[in-house]
Amino acid sequence: MIKAKDIRAAITSLLKKNFPLYEVHFDNVERACKSYFYVELAPRRKTIDPVYYDRSISIDIQLVILPDNRGRVKRSLLYDAIDTLDEVIRPVLQIGDRYITILSNNSVIVDEILHYEFSLDFTDFLPVERGELMQELYINGYFQDLDYEEV
């Protein structure tokens, strides 16, 4: 089972390795002193059976570059970041010992903030502990021993 903290750790490691000058945040940033990444995760689950379920996690990596003295943001930094993110995230993202194929992504710059969006779509499982199996069955006055198989 892939936990949210494992996904956050994989994304943080990937961003810090390829963008060492930028901080990585998963919480809102009110007053920043340096340019930073802000990452949002939006998970969804669809149950298949008691053990397996389909997961889809929409990920929005936002790059916020602080403006210069004139209040301008260098868009070339944002375009370079798109290229770098494409190289390191696609085609496969490693999370722990699992590799998830990224089928598509979307990049858009809104209000001088880069939004790099993609989705992790995979099937996961919940480990289930099996309880002790029933040995005897008593229904309406009749007793059935369940230690053997009937032919």
N, C-alpha and C. Protein backbone atom coordinates (compact mmCIF):
# COMPACT_ATOMS: atom_id res chain seq x y z
N MET A 1 0.84 -1.18 0.00
CA MET A 1 0.00 0.00 0.00
C MET A 1 0.88 1.24 0.00
N ILE A 2 0.60 2.17 -0.89
CA ILE A 2 1.35 3.42 -0.94
C ILE A 2 0.66 4.44 -0.06
N LYS A 3 1.38 4.95 0.91
CA LYS A 3 0.82 5.94 1.84
C LYS A 3 1.09 7.35 1.32
N ALA A 4 0.25 8.30 1.76
CA ALA A 4 0.40 9.69 1.34
C ALA A 4 1.77 10.24 1.72
N LYS A 5 2.28 9.84 2.88
CA LYS A 5 3.60 10.35 3.29
C LYS A 5 4.70 9.85 2.36
N ASP A 6 4.54 8.65 1.79
CA ASP A 6 5.52 8.13 0.83
C ASP A 6 5.48 8.92 -0.47
N ILE A 7 4.27 9.30 -0.90
CA ILE A 7 4.13 10.11 -2.11
C ILE A 7 4.75 11.48 -1.89
N ARG A 8 4.46 12.10 -0.75
CA ARG A 8 5.05 13.41 -0.43
C ARG A 8 6.56 13.33 -0.37
N ALA A 9 7.08 12.27 0.24
CA ALA A 9 8.54 12.12 0.35
C ALA A 9 9.18 11.95 -1.02
N ALA A 10 8.55 11.17 -1.91
CA ALA A 10 9.11 10.97 -3.26
C ALA A 10 9.12 12.27 -4.05
N ILE A 11 8.03 13.03 -3.96
CA ILE A 11 7.96 14.30 -4.69
C ILE A 11 8.93 15.31 -4.11
N THR A 12 9.03 15.39 -2.80
CA THR A 12 9.97 16.31 -2.16
C THR A 12 11.40 15.98 -2.56
N SER A 13 11.77 14.71 -2.51
CA SER A 13 13.12 14.29 -2.87
C SER A 13 13.42 14.63 -4.33
N LEU A 14 12.49 14.37 -5.22
CA LEU A 14 12.66 14.65 -6.63
C LEU A 14 12.85 16.16 -6.88
N LEU A 15 12.02 16.98 -6.23
CA LEU A 15 12.12 18.43 -6.43
C LEU A 15 13.40 19.01 -5.83
N LYS A 16 13.77 18.56 -4.63
CA LYS A 16 14.98 19.09 -3.99
C LYS A 16 16.23 18.68 -4.75
N LYS A 17 16.21 17.49 -5.34
CA LYS A 17 17.37 17.02 -6.11
C LYS A 17 17.56 17.84 -7.37
N ASN A 18 16.47 18.18 -8.06
CA ASN A 18 16.55 18.86 -9.34
C ASN A 18 16.41 20.38 -9.25
N PHE A 19 15.92 20.88 -8.14
CA PHE A 19 15.76 22.32 -7.93
C PHE A 19 16.26 22.67 -6.52
N PRO A 20 17.56 22.60 -6.30
CA PRO A 20 18.08 22.79 -4.93
C PRO A 20 17.87 24.20 -4.36
N LEU A 21 17.61 25.19 -5.19
CA LEU A 21 17.45 26.56 -4.70
C LEU A 21 16.04 26.84 -4.17
N TYR A 22 15.08 25.96 -4.46
CA TYR A 22 13.69 26.21 -4.08
C TYR A 22 13.27 25.32 -2.92
N GLU A 23 12.47 25.89 -2.03
CA GLU A 23 11.90 25.11 -0.93
C GLU A 23 10.68 24.36 -1.46
N VAL A 24 10.27 23.31 -0.75
CA VAL A 24 9.09 22.53 -1.12
C VAL A 24 8.12 22.57 0.06
N HIS A 25 6.86 22.97 -0.23
CA HIS A 25 5.84 23.08 0.81
C HIS A 25 4.60 22.31 0.41
N PHE A 26 3.94 21.72 1.40
CA PHE A 26 2.65 21.08 1.20
C PHE A 26 1.56 21.83 1.95
N ASP A 27 1.95 22.84 2.71
CA ASP A 27 1.02 23.72 3.43
C ASP A 27 1.07 25.10 2.79
N ASN A 28 0.01 25.88 3.03
CA ASN A 28 -0.04 27.23 2.47
C ASN A 28 1.14 28.07 2.96
N VAL A 29 1.66 28.90 2.07
CA VAL A 29 2.79 29.77 2.39
C VAL A 29 2.27 31.21 2.33
N GLU A 30 2.31 31.90 3.46
CA GLU A 30 1.77 33.26 3.49
C GLU A 30 2.80 34.30 3.11
N ARG A 31 3.98 34.24 3.68
CA ARG A 31 5.03 35.22 3.38
C ARG A 31 6.33 34.46 3.12
N ALA A 32 6.71 34.46 1.87
CA ALA A 32 7.91 33.73 1.49
C ALA A 32 9.07 34.70 1.28
N CYS A 33 10.25 34.25 1.66
CA CYS A 33 11.47 35.02 1.45
C CYS A 33 12.22 34.53 0.22
N LYS A 34 11.91 33.31 -0.21
CA LYS A 34 12.56 32.70 -1.37
C LYS A 34 11.51 32.09 -2.27
N SER A 35 11.88 31.85 -3.51
CA SER A 35 11.00 31.14 -4.43
C SER A 35 10.79 29.72 -3.91
N TYR A 36 9.62 29.13 -4.23
CA TYR A 36 9.30 27.83 -3.64
C TYR A 36 8.33 27.06 -4.53
N PHE A 37 8.24 25.74 -4.22
CA PHE A 37 7.23 24.86 -4.79
C PHE A 37 6.14 24.66 -3.75
N TYR A 38 4.90 24.68 -4.21
CA TYR A 38 3.77 24.33 -3.37
C TYR A 38 3.07 23.17 -4.05
N VAL A 39 2.85 22.06 -3.33
CA VAL A 39 2.31 20.84 -3.92
C VAL A 39 0.97 20.51 -3.27
N GLU A 40 -0.02 20.23 -4.12
CA GLU A 40 -1.33 19.80 -3.64
C GLU A 40 -1.62 18.40 -4.15
N LEU A 41 -2.16 17.55 -3.27
CA LEU A 41 -2.56 16.19 -3.63
C LEU A 41 -4.07 16.08 -3.45
N ALA A 42 -4.75 15.52 -4.44
CA ALA A 42 -6.19 15.30 -4.35
C ALA A 42 -6.48 13.83 -4.66
N PRO A 43 -6.57 12.99 -3.61
CA PRO A 43 -6.74 11.55 -3.83
C PRO A 43 -8.22 11.15 -4.01
N ARG A 44 -8.41 10.08 -4.81
CA ARG A 44 -9.72 9.44 -4.98
C ARG A 44 -9.51 7.94 -4.94
N ARG A 45 -10.52 7.23 -4.42
CA ARG A 45 -10.47 5.76 -4.37
C ARG A 45 -11.74 5.17 -4.95
N LYS A 46 -11.59 4.01 -5.57
CA LYS A 46 -12.74 3.25 -6.05
C LYS A 46 -12.52 1.81 -5.63
N THR A 47 -13.42 1.29 -4.82
CA THR A 47 -13.28 -0.05 -4.29
C THR A 47 -13.59 -1.09 -5.35
N ILE A 48 -12.72 -2.08 -5.44
CA ILE A 48 -12.92 -3.20 -6.35
C ILE A 48 -13.44 -4.41 -5.57
N ASP A 49 -12.77 -4.74 -4.49
CA ASP A 49 -13.18 -5.81 -3.59
C ASP A 49 -12.62 -5.46 -2.20
N PRO A 50 -12.80 -6.33 -1.21
CA PRO A 50 -12.34 -5.96 0.14
C PRO A 50 -10.83 -5.72 0.27
N VAL A 51 -10.04 -6.19 -0.68
CA VAL A 51 -8.59 -6.05 -0.58
C VAL A 51 -8.04 -5.02 -1.56
N TYR A 52 -8.48 -5.06 -2.82
CA TYR A 52 -7.93 -4.19 -3.86
C TYR A 52 -8.85 -2.99 -4.14
N TYR A 53 -8.23 -1.87 -4.48
CA TYR A 53 -9.00 -0.69 -4.87
C TYR A 53 -8.17 0.15 -5.84
N ASP A 54 -8.88 0.85 -6.72
CA ASP A 54 -8.23 1.74 -7.68
C ASP A 54 -8.02 3.09 -7.03
N ARG A 55 -6.86 3.67 -7.25
CA ARG A 55 -6.55 4.99 -6.71
C ARG A 55 -6.18 5.93 -7.84
N SER A 56 -6.60 7.16 -7.71
CA SER A 56 -6.22 8.21 -8.63
C SER A 56 -5.88 9.43 -7.78
N ILE A 57 -4.65 9.89 -7.88
CA ILE A 57 -4.20 11.03 -7.09
C ILE A 57 -3.79 12.14 -8.05
N SER A 58 -4.56 13.21 -8.06
CA SER A 58 -4.22 14.37 -8.88
C SER A 58 -3.18 15.19 -8.13
N ILE A 59 -2.09 15.50 -8.81
CA ILE A 59 -1.00 16.24 -8.19
C ILE A 59 -0.80 17.54 -8.95
N ASP A 60 -0.79 18.65 -8.21
CA ASP A 60 -0.56 19.98 -8.78
C ASP A 60 0.69 20.54 -8.13
N ILE A 61 1.78 20.61 -8.89
CA ILE A 61 3.02 21.19 -8.40
C ILE A 61 3.06 22.63 -8.89
N GLN A 62 3.07 23.56 -7.97
CA GLN A 62 3.08 24.98 -8.32
C GLN A 62 4.44 25.57 -8.00
N LEU A 63 5.01 26.25 -8.97
CA LEU A 63 6.28 26.94 -8.77
C LEU A 63 6.01 28.43 -8.68
N VAL A 64 6.36 29.00 -7.54
CA VAL A 64 6.17 30.42 -7.29
C VAL A 64 7.55 31.08 -7.25
N ILE A 65 7.80 31.92 -8.25
CA ILE A 65 9.06 32.66 -8.32
C ILE A 65 8.80 34.06 -7.78
N LEU A 66 9.59 34.48 -6.81
CA LEU A 66 9.39 35.81 -6.25
C LEU A 66 9.79 36.87 -7.28
N PRO A 67 9.04 37.95 -7.37
CA PRO A 67 9.34 39.00 -8.35
C PRO A 67 10.62 39.76 -8.01
N ASP A 68 11.21 40.37 -9.05
CA ASP A 68 12.40 41.19 -8.84
C ASP A 68 12.00 42.56 -8.29
N ASN A 69 12.95 43.49 -8.24
CA ASN A 69 12.69 44.82 -7.67
C ASN A 69 11.60 45.58 -8.41
N ARG A 70 11.42 45.29 -9.68
CA ARG A 70 10.40 45.95 -10.48
C ARG A 70 9.05 45.24 -10.42
N GLY A 71 8.98 44.14 -9.69
CA GLY A 71 7.74 43.38 -9.59
C GLY A 71 7.50 42.41 -10.73
N ARG A 72 8.54 42.07 -11.44
CA ARG A 72 8.43 41.17 -12.59
C ARG A 72 8.98 39.79 -12.25
N VAL A 73 8.35 38.81 -12.85
CA VAL A 73 8.81 37.43 -12.70
C VAL A 73 9.42 37.00 -14.02
N LYS A 74 10.58 36.37 -13.94
CA LYS A 74 11.27 35.88 -15.13
C LYS A 74 10.57 34.62 -15.62
N ARG A 75 9.81 34.74 -16.70
CA ARG A 75 9.06 33.59 -17.23
C ARG A 75 9.99 32.50 -17.76
N SER A 76 11.18 32.87 -18.16
CA SER A 76 12.10 31.86 -18.68
C SER A 76 12.41 30.82 -17.60
N LEU A 77 12.42 31.21 -16.33
CA LEU A 77 12.63 30.26 -15.24
C LEU A 77 11.46 29.27 -15.17
N LEU A 78 10.26 29.75 -15.42
CA LEU A 78 9.09 28.88 -15.38
C LEU A 78 9.11 27.89 -16.55
N TYR A 79 9.48 28.36 -17.73
CA TYR A 79 9.55 27.47 -18.89
C TYR A 79 10.67 26.43 -18.73
N ASP A 80 11.79 26.85 -18.16
CA ASP A 80 12.87 25.89 -17.89
C ASP A 80 12.42 24.84 -16.88
N ALA A 81 11.63 25.27 -15.90
CA ALA A 81 11.13 24.33 -14.88
C ALA A 81 10.20 23.30 -15.51
N ILE A 82 9.39 23.72 -16.49
CA ILE A 82 8.50 22.77 -17.18
C ILE A 82 9.34 21.68 -17.85
N ASP A 83 10.38 22.08 -18.55
CA ASP A 83 11.25 21.10 -19.24
C ASP A 83 11.89 20.15 -18.25
N THR A 84 12.40 20.68 -17.15
CA THR A 84 13.05 19.84 -16.14
C THR A 84 12.06 18.88 -15.51
N LEU A 85 10.87 19.37 -15.16
CA LEU A 85 9.85 18.50 -14.56
C LEU A 85 9.44 17.40 -15.52
N ASP A 86 9.31 17.72 -16.80
CA ASP A 86 8.99 16.69 -17.80
C ASP A 86 10.06 15.60 -17.83
N GLU A 87 11.30 15.99 -17.74
CA GLU A 87 12.41 15.02 -17.79
C GLU A 87 12.44 14.10 -16.58
N VAL A 88 12.16 14.63 -15.39
CA VAL A 88 12.34 13.84 -14.18
C VAL A 88 11.07 13.12 -13.71
N ILE A 89 9.90 13.59 -14.14
CA ILE A 89 8.66 12.94 -13.69
C ILE A 89 8.15 11.94 -14.71
N ARG A 90 8.23 12.26 -15.98
CA ARG A 90 7.73 11.37 -17.02
C ARG A 90 8.86 10.50 -17.56
N PRO A 91 8.67 9.32 -17.96
CA PRO A 91 7.42 8.60 -18.09
C PRO A 91 7.01 7.83 -16.84
N VAL A 92 7.94 7.66 -15.89
CA VAL A 92 7.65 6.83 -14.72
C VAL A 92 8.11 7.56 -13.46
N LEU A 93 7.26 7.55 -12.44
CA LEU A 93 7.59 8.14 -11.14
C LEU A 93 7.79 7.01 -10.14
N GLN A 94 8.93 7.02 -9.46
CA GLN A 94 9.21 6.00 -8.46
C GLN A 94 8.76 6.48 -7.09
N ILE A 95 7.97 5.63 -6.41
CA ILE A 95 7.53 5.90 -5.05
C ILE A 95 7.86 4.65 -4.25
N GLY A 96 8.90 4.75 -3.44
CA GLY A 96 9.36 3.58 -2.69
C GLY A 96 9.83 2.51 -3.65
N ASP A 97 9.25 1.31 -3.54
CA ASP A 97 9.64 0.21 -4.42
C ASP A 97 8.69 0.04 -5.61
N ARG A 98 7.76 0.99 -5.79
CA ARG A 98 6.80 0.93 -6.89
C ARG A 98 7.11 1.98 -7.94
N TYR A 99 6.78 1.68 -9.17
CA TYR A 99 6.98 2.59 -10.30
C TYR A 99 5.62 2.81 -10.95
N ILE A 100 5.21 4.06 -11.06
CA ILE A 100 3.90 4.38 -11.61
C ILE A 100 4.09 5.18 -12.90
N THR A 101 3.45 4.72 -13.96
CA THR A 101 3.55 5.39 -15.25
C THR A 101 2.66 6.63 -15.26
N ILE A 102 3.24 7.73 -15.68
CA ILE A 102 2.51 8.99 -15.82
C ILE A 102 2.07 9.05 -17.29
N LEU A 103 0.78 8.92 -17.52
CA LEU A 103 0.27 8.86 -18.89
C LEU A 103 0.21 10.23 -19.55
N SER A 104 -0.11 11.26 -18.78
CA SER A 104 -0.19 12.61 -19.35
C SER A 104 0.04 13.64 -18.26
N ASN A 105 0.35 14.84 -18.69
CA ASN A 105 0.51 15.94 -17.75
C ASN A 105 0.05 17.23 -18.43
N ASN A 106 -0.12 18.26 -17.63
CA ASN A 106 -0.56 19.54 -18.14
C ASN A 106 0.25 20.63 -17.44
N SER A 107 0.72 21.59 -18.22
CA SER A 107 1.48 22.72 -17.66
C SER A 107 0.81 24.01 -18.09
N VAL A 108 0.58 24.89 -17.14
CA VAL A 108 -0.02 26.18 -17.45
C VAL A 108 0.54 27.21 -16.48
N ILE A 109 0.72 28.42 -16.98
CA ILE A 109 1.19 29.53 -16.14
C ILE A 109 0.02 30.48 -15.94
N VAL A 110 -0.38 30.67 -14.69
CA VAL A 110 -1.48 31.56 -14.34
C VAL A 110 -0.98 32.54 -13.30
N ASP A 111 -1.13 33.83 -13.57
CA ASP A 111 -0.69 34.88 -12.66
C ASP A 111 0.77 34.70 -12.24
N GLU A 112 1.59 34.35 -13.22
CA GLU A 112 3.04 34.17 -13.02
C GLU A 112 3.37 33.02 -12.07
N ILE A 113 2.47 32.06 -11.95
CA ILE A 113 2.70 30.85 -11.16
C ILE A 113 2.56 29.65 -12.10
N LEU A 114 3.58 28.80 -12.13
CA LEU A 114 3.54 27.60 -12.94
C LEU A 114 2.73 26.53 -12.22
N HIS A 115 1.78 25.93 -12.93
CA HIS A 115 1.02 24.78 -12.43
C HIS A 115 1.39 23.60 -13.30
N TYR A 116 2.08 22.64 -12.72
CA TYR A 116 2.45 21.41 -13.42
C TYR A 116 1.58 20.31 -12.82
N GLU A 117 0.64 19.79 -13.61
CA GLU A 117 -0.36 18.86 -13.11
C GLU A 117 -0.25 17.51 -13.79
N PHE A 118 -0.39 16.46 -12.99
CA PHE A 118 -0.45 15.10 -13.51
C PHE A 118 -1.21 14.24 -12.53
N SER A 119 -1.50 13.02 -12.94
CA SER A 119 -2.28 12.13 -12.10
C SER A 119 -1.57 10.80 -11.93
N LEU A 120 -1.61 10.26 -10.72
CA LEU A 120 -1.10 8.92 -10.45
C LEU A 120 -2.30 7.98 -10.42
N ASP A 121 -2.38 7.08 -11.38
CA ASP A 121 -3.48 6.12 -11.46
C ASP A 121 -2.92 4.72 -11.29
N PHE A 122 -3.37 4.03 -10.24
CA PHE A 122 -2.85 2.69 -9.98
C PHE A 122 -3.81 1.92 -9.09
N THR A 123 -3.60 0.62 -9.03
CA THR A 123 -4.38 -0.25 -8.15
C THR A 123 -3.53 -0.54 -6.92
N ASP A 124 -4.15 -0.44 -5.78
CA ASP A 124 -3.44 -0.65 -4.51
C ASP A 124 -4.20 -1.71 -3.71
N PHE A 125 -3.66 -2.10 -2.59
CA PHE A 125 -4.29 -3.12 -1.77
C PHE A 125 -4.21 -2.74 -0.29
N LEU A 126 -5.15 -3.26 0.46
CA LEU A 126 -5.13 -3.14 1.92
C LEU A 126 -4.82 -4.53 2.46
N PRO A 127 -3.73 -4.67 3.20
CA PRO A 127 -3.44 -5.98 3.77
C PRO A 127 -4.54 -6.35 4.78
N VAL A 128 -5.09 -7.54 4.64
CA VAL A 128 -6.18 -7.99 5.50
C VAL A 128 -5.67 -9.13 6.38
N GLU A 129 -5.89 -8.98 7.68
CA GLU A 129 -5.53 -10.06 8.60
C GLU A 129 -6.70 -11.04 8.66
N ARG A 130 -6.39 -12.28 8.44
CA ARG A 130 -7.45 -13.29 8.48
C ARG A 130 -7.66 -13.74 9.92
N GLY A 131 -8.91 -13.80 10.31
CA GLY A 131 -9.24 -14.27 11.65
C GLY A 131 -9.26 -15.79 11.69
N GLU A 132 -9.56 -16.32 12.85
CA GLU A 132 -9.61 -17.76 13.02
C GLU A 132 -10.86 -18.30 12.31
N LEU A 133 -10.71 -19.38 11.58
CA LEU A 133 -11.84 -19.96 10.86
C LEU A 133 -12.73 -20.74 11.81
N MET A 134 -14.02 -20.80 11.49
CA MET A 134 -15.00 -21.50 12.31
C MET A 134 -14.73 -23.00 12.24
N GLN A 135 -14.84 -23.67 13.39
CA GLN A 135 -14.59 -25.11 13.45
C GLN A 135 -15.88 -25.92 13.54
N GLU A 136 -16.93 -25.32 14.13
CA GLU A 136 -18.20 -26.02 14.31
C GLU A 136 -19.34 -25.10 13.89
N LEU A 137 -20.42 -25.72 13.42
CA LEU A 137 -21.60 -24.96 13.02
C LEU A 137 -22.81 -25.60 13.66
N TYR A 138 -23.62 -24.82 14.36
CA TYR A 138 -24.82 -25.30 15.02
C TYR A 138 -25.99 -24.46 14.55
N ILE A 139 -26.91 -25.09 13.76
CA ILE A 139 -28.06 -24.37 13.22
C ILE A 139 -29.32 -25.19 13.50
N ASN A 140 -30.29 -24.56 14.15
CA ASN A 140 -31.61 -25.16 14.41
C ASN A 140 -31.53 -26.58 14.98
N GLY A 141 -30.67 -26.77 15.94
CA GLY A 141 -30.59 -28.06 16.61
C GLY A 141 -29.71 -29.08 15.92
N TYR A 142 -29.14 -28.75 14.81
CA TYR A 142 -28.25 -29.69 14.10
C TYR A 142 -26.81 -29.21 14.23
N PHE A 143 -25.94 -30.14 14.42
CA PHE A 143 -24.52 -29.86 14.60
C PHE A 143 -23.74 -30.34 13.38
N GLN A 144 -22.84 -29.52 12.90
CA GLN A 144 -22.02 -29.90 11.74
C GLN A 144 -20.57 -29.62 12.11
N ASP A 145 -19.71 -30.64 12.02
CA ASP A 145 -18.28 -30.47 12.26
C ASP A 145 -17.63 -30.03 10.94
N LEU A 146 -16.90 -28.91 10.97
CA LEU A 146 -16.31 -28.35 9.76
C LEU A 146 -14.84 -28.68 9.60
N ASP A 147 -14.36 -29.71 10.28
CA ASP A 147 -12.95 -30.08 10.18
C ASP A 147 -12.65 -30.92 8.94
N TYR A 148 -13.63 -31.36 8.20
CA TYR A 148 -13.39 -32.19 7.05
C TYR A 148 -14.13 -31.62 5.83
N GLU A 149 -13.73 -32.07 4.68
CA GLU A 149 -14.38 -31.67 3.44
C GLU A 149 -15.30 -32.77 2.98
N GLU A 150 -16.52 -32.39 2.58
CA GLU A 150 -17.44 -33.39 2.04
C GLU A 150 -17.16 -33.57 0.56
N VAL A 151 -17.28 -34.80 0.07
CA VAL A 151 -17.02 -35.10 -1.33
C VAL A 151 -18.31 -35.04 -2.12
